[in-house]
């Protein structure tokens, strides 16, 4: 439920900060990590704020403090592919 509420706030143009969201410059400009603390696990949603959309690059359970390199690499790759398909250059 919290996930849906936070995503709706982002869609409405609200910029979220800690504890809900933090910037992820290692992935790219306008990229952030939405932080969802659940009873069983800590979930993360990596997203990017574009002019006309909130793009979700990855959803995963976080088990350590650092974001896994495989997640960072996958997000970069997906966002590059998205930009290429949309005809944008980052």
N, C-alpha and C. Protein backbone atom coordinates (compact mmCIF):
# COMPACT_ATOMS: atom_id res chain seq x y z
N UNK A 1 0.83 -1.19 0.00
CA UNK A 1 0.00 0.00 0.00
C UNK A 1 0.87 1.26 0.00
N UNK A 2 1.91 1.26 0.82
CA UNK A 2 2.79 2.42 0.89
C UNK A 2 3.45 2.68 -0.46
N UNK A 3 3.80 1.62 -1.16
CA UNK A 3 4.45 1.76 -2.47
C UNK A 3 3.56 2.55 -3.42
N UNK A 4 2.31 2.17 -3.51
CA UNK A 4 1.37 2.85 -4.39
C UNK A 4 1.21 4.32 -4.03
N UNK A 5 1.13 4.62 -2.76
CA UNK A 5 0.98 6.00 -2.31
C UNK A 5 2.21 6.85 -2.67
N UNK A 6 3.39 6.28 -2.47
CA UNK A 6 4.61 7.02 -2.79
C UNK A 6 4.76 7.23 -4.30
N UNK A 7 4.44 6.21 -5.09
CA UNK A 7 4.50 6.36 -6.55
C UNK A 7 3.49 7.40 -7.03
N UNK A 8 2.33 7.44 -6.44
CA UNK A 8 1.31 8.44 -6.82
C UNK A 8 1.82 9.84 -6.51
N UNK A 9 2.47 10.01 -5.37
CA UNK A 9 3.03 11.33 -5.02
C UNK A 9 4.07 11.76 -6.05
N UNK A 10 4.91 10.82 -6.47
CA UNK A 10 5.90 11.13 -7.50
C UNK A 10 5.23 11.52 -8.81
N UNK A 11 4.19 10.79 -9.20
CA UNK A 11 3.47 11.09 -10.44
C UNK A 11 2.84 12.48 -10.40
N UNK A 12 2.47 12.92 -9.24
CA UNK A 12 1.88 14.25 -9.09
C UNK A 12 2.92 15.36 -9.08
N UNK A 13 4.21 14.98 -9.16
CA UNK A 13 5.26 15.97 -9.22
C UNK A 13 5.94 16.29 -7.92
N UNK A 14 5.58 15.59 -6.87
CA UNK A 14 6.19 15.83 -5.57
C UNK A 14 7.59 15.21 -5.54
N UNK A 15 8.54 15.94 -5.05
CA UNK A 15 9.89 15.41 -4.88
C UNK A 15 10.01 14.84 -3.48
N UNK A 16 10.33 13.57 -3.39
CA UNK A 16 10.44 12.91 -2.10
C UNK A 16 11.89 12.90 -1.64
N UNK A 17 12.09 13.03 -0.37
CA UNK A 17 13.42 12.96 0.22
C UNK A 17 13.48 11.82 1.22
N UNK A 18 14.55 11.80 1.99
CA UNK A 18 14.68 10.78 3.03
C UNK A 18 13.58 10.93 4.05
N UNK A 19 13.02 9.90 4.58
CA UNK A 19 13.46 8.52 4.51
C UNK A 19 12.88 7.74 3.32
N UNK A 20 12.02 8.35 2.52
CA UNK A 20 11.34 7.62 1.44
C UNK A 20 12.18 7.43 0.19
N UNK A 21 12.99 8.39 -0.12
CA UNK A 21 13.73 8.35 -1.38
C UNK A 21 15.10 9.00 -1.21
N UNK A 22 16.05 8.51 -2.01
CA UNK A 22 17.36 9.14 -2.01
C UNK A 22 17.90 9.13 -3.44
N UNK A 23 18.69 10.13 -3.79
CA UNK A 23 19.26 10.21 -5.14
C UNK A 23 20.22 9.05 -5.40
N UNK A 24 20.30 8.64 -6.65
CA UNK A 24 21.21 7.58 -7.08
C UNK A 24 22.05 8.07 -8.25
N UNK A 25 22.96 9.03 -8.02
CA UNK A 25 23.76 9.57 -9.12
C UNK A 25 24.67 8.53 -9.78
N UNK A 26 24.96 7.44 -9.08
CA UNK A 26 25.78 6.37 -9.68
C UNK A 26 25.07 5.73 -10.86
N UNK A 27 23.75 5.82 -10.88
CA UNK A 27 22.98 5.25 -11.99
C UNK A 27 22.80 6.29 -13.09
N UNK A 28 22.48 7.52 -12.71
CA UNK A 28 22.32 8.57 -13.70
C UNK A 28 21.62 9.78 -13.14
N UNK A 29 21.58 10.83 -13.98
CA UNK A 29 20.88 12.04 -13.57
C UNK A 29 19.40 11.74 -13.38
N UNK A 30 18.80 12.38 -12.41
CA UNK A 30 17.37 12.27 -12.10
C UNK A 30 16.97 10.89 -11.59
N UNK A 31 17.96 10.05 -11.23
CA UNK A 31 17.66 8.70 -10.73
C UNK A 31 17.62 8.71 -9.21
N UNK A 32 16.70 7.93 -8.68
CA UNK A 32 16.49 7.85 -7.24
C UNK A 32 16.15 6.43 -6.85
N UNK A 33 16.23 6.17 -5.54
CA UNK A 33 15.86 4.87 -4.99
C UNK A 33 14.72 5.10 -4.00
N UNK A 34 13.57 4.53 -4.30
CA UNK A 34 12.42 4.60 -3.40
C UNK A 34 12.61 3.49 -2.37
N UNK A 35 12.46 3.83 -1.11
CA UNK A 35 12.74 2.90 -0.02
C UNK A 35 11.44 2.48 0.66
N UNK A 36 11.15 1.18 0.59
CA UNK A 36 9.93 0.63 1.18
C UNK A 36 10.34 -0.37 2.25
N UNK A 37 10.04 -0.08 3.50
CA UNK A 37 10.37 -0.99 4.60
C UNK A 37 9.12 -1.82 4.89
N UNK A 38 9.26 -3.12 4.72
CA UNK A 38 8.17 -4.06 4.94
C UNK A 38 8.53 -4.92 6.15
N UNK A 39 7.56 -5.62 6.67
CA UNK A 39 7.80 -6.48 7.83
C UNK A 39 8.82 -7.55 7.50
N UNK A 40 8.74 -8.12 6.31
CA UNK A 40 9.59 -9.24 5.94
C UNK A 40 10.89 -8.85 5.24
N UNK A 41 10.88 -7.71 4.54
CA UNK A 41 12.07 -7.34 3.77
C UNK A 41 12.06 -5.83 3.51
N UNK A 42 13.21 -5.34 3.09
CA UNK A 42 13.32 -3.95 2.67
C UNK A 42 13.35 -3.94 1.14
N UNK A 43 12.36 -3.29 0.55
CA UNK A 43 12.23 -3.25 -0.90
C UNK A 43 12.78 -1.93 -1.43
N UNK A 44 13.29 -1.97 -2.64
CA UNK A 44 13.78 -0.78 -3.31
C UNK A 44 13.21 -0.72 -4.72
N UNK A 45 12.89 0.49 -5.14
CA UNK A 45 12.46 0.75 -6.51
C UNK A 45 13.38 1.84 -7.04
N UNK A 46 14.14 1.51 -8.08
CA UNK A 46 15.00 2.50 -8.71
C UNK A 46 14.17 3.16 -9.81
N UNK A 47 14.08 4.49 -9.75
CA UNK A 47 13.26 5.22 -10.72
C UNK A 47 13.99 6.46 -11.20
N UNK A 48 13.52 6.96 -12.34
CA UNK A 48 14.06 8.20 -12.89
C UNK A 48 12.90 9.15 -13.16
N UNK A 49 13.12 10.40 -12.82
CA UNK A 49 12.12 11.43 -13.05
C UNK A 49 12.38 12.08 -14.40
N UNK A 50 11.50 11.83 -15.36
CA UNK A 50 11.58 12.46 -16.68
C UNK A 50 10.50 13.54 -16.76
N UNK A 51 10.55 14.33 -17.79
CA UNK A 51 9.60 15.45 -17.93
C UNK A 51 8.15 14.97 -17.96
N UNK A 52 7.91 13.82 -18.56
CA UNK A 52 6.52 13.37 -18.73
C UNK A 52 6.24 12.00 -18.13
N UNK A 53 7.18 11.48 -17.34
CA UNK A 53 6.97 10.14 -16.79
C UNK A 53 7.91 9.88 -15.61
N UNK A 54 7.51 8.91 -14.81
CA UNK A 54 8.39 8.34 -13.80
C UNK A 54 8.74 6.96 -14.33
N UNK A 55 10.00 6.78 -14.70
CA UNK A 55 10.43 5.49 -15.25
C UNK A 55 10.99 4.60 -14.17
N UNK A 56 10.46 3.39 -14.08
CA UNK A 56 10.94 2.42 -13.09
C UNK A 56 11.96 1.52 -13.77
N UNK A 57 13.19 1.51 -13.26
CA UNK A 57 14.27 0.73 -13.86
C UNK A 57 14.47 -0.62 -13.17
N UNK A 58 14.11 -0.72 -11.89
CA UNK A 58 14.35 -1.98 -11.17
C UNK A 58 13.58 -1.99 -9.86
N UNK A 59 13.16 -3.17 -9.46
CA UNK A 59 12.54 -3.40 -8.16
C UNK A 59 13.28 -4.59 -7.55
N UNK A 60 13.75 -4.44 -6.32
CA UNK A 60 14.50 -5.53 -5.71
C UNK A 60 14.43 -5.45 -4.19
N UNK A 61 14.76 -6.56 -3.54
CA UNK A 61 14.88 -6.60 -2.08
C UNK A 61 16.31 -6.27 -1.73
N UNK A 62 16.47 -5.37 -0.82
CA UNK A 62 17.81 -4.95 -0.43
C UNK A 62 18.21 -5.68 0.84
N UNK A 63 19.36 -6.32 0.79
CA UNK A 63 19.82 -7.12 1.92
C UNK A 63 21.08 -6.58 2.56
N UNK A 64 21.76 -5.64 1.88
CA UNK A 64 22.97 -5.03 2.41
C UNK A 64 22.85 -3.52 2.28
N UNK A 65 23.78 -2.79 2.88
CA UNK A 65 23.72 -1.33 2.78
C UNK A 65 23.97 -0.84 1.37
N UNK A 66 24.91 -1.46 0.69
CA UNK A 66 25.26 -1.01 -0.67
C UNK A 66 24.31 -1.61 -1.69
N UNK A 67 23.98 -0.81 -2.70
CA UNK A 67 23.19 -1.33 -3.81
C UNK A 67 24.10 -2.22 -4.65
N UNK A 68 23.66 -3.46 -4.93
CA UNK A 68 24.51 -4.38 -5.69
C UNK A 68 24.91 -3.80 -7.05
N UNK A 69 26.15 -4.04 -7.45
CA UNK A 69 26.66 -3.57 -8.73
C UNK A 69 25.81 -4.10 -9.88
N UNK A 70 25.31 -5.32 -9.76
CA UNK A 70 24.48 -5.89 -10.83
C UNK A 70 23.19 -5.08 -11.02
N UNK A 71 22.65 -4.54 -9.94
CA UNK A 71 21.45 -3.71 -10.02
C UNK A 71 21.78 -2.37 -10.69
N UNK A 72 22.88 -1.75 -10.28
CA UNK A 72 23.30 -0.48 -10.87
C UNK A 72 23.53 -0.66 -12.37
N UNK A 73 24.24 -1.71 -12.76
CA UNK A 73 24.52 -1.97 -14.18
C UNK A 73 23.24 -2.22 -14.97
N UNK A 74 22.33 -3.01 -14.40
CA UNK A 74 21.06 -3.30 -15.08
C UNK A 74 20.24 -2.03 -15.27
N UNK A 75 20.21 -1.18 -14.27
CA UNK A 75 19.46 0.08 -14.37
C UNK A 75 20.05 0.98 -15.45
N UNK A 76 21.35 1.11 -15.46
CA UNK A 76 22.00 1.93 -16.50
C UNK A 76 21.67 1.41 -17.89
N UNK A 77 21.78 0.10 -18.05
CA UNK A 77 21.49 -0.52 -19.35
C UNK A 77 20.03 -0.29 -19.77
N UNK A 78 19.10 -0.49 -18.86
CA UNK A 78 17.68 -0.31 -19.19
C UNK A 78 17.35 1.14 -19.53
N UNK A 79 17.93 2.07 -18.78
CA UNK A 79 17.65 3.48 -19.06
C UNK A 79 18.28 3.92 -20.37
N UNK A 80 19.46 3.41 -20.71
CA UNK A 80 20.06 3.71 -22.02
C UNK A 80 19.17 3.17 -23.14
N UNK A 81 18.67 1.96 -22.98
CA UNK A 81 17.79 1.36 -23.99
C UNK A 81 16.49 2.16 -24.12
N UNK A 82 15.95 2.59 -23.00
CA UNK A 82 14.74 3.41 -23.02
C UNK A 82 14.99 4.73 -23.76
N UNK A 83 16.10 5.38 -23.45
CA UNK A 83 16.44 6.65 -24.09
C UNK A 83 16.64 6.46 -25.59
N UNK A 84 17.30 5.37 -25.98
CA UNK A 84 17.53 5.10 -27.39
C UNK A 84 16.21 4.87 -28.12
N UNK A 85 15.31 4.14 -27.50
CA UNK A 85 14.01 3.87 -28.11
C UNK A 85 13.17 5.15 -28.22
N UNK A 86 13.37 6.04 -27.26
CA UNK A 86 12.60 7.31 -27.26
C UNK A 86 13.29 8.37 -28.11
N UNK A 87 14.49 8.05 -28.62
CA UNK A 87 15.23 9.00 -29.45
C UNK A 87 15.91 10.10 -28.67
N UNK A 88 16.22 9.82 -27.39
CA UNK A 88 16.87 10.82 -26.54
C UNK A 88 18.34 10.46 -26.37
N UNK A 89 19.12 11.45 -26.10
CA UNK A 89 20.53 11.24 -25.77
C UNK A 89 20.77 11.77 -24.37
N UNK A 90 21.36 10.97 -23.52
CA UNK A 90 21.70 11.40 -22.15
C UNK A 90 23.10 11.92 -22.12
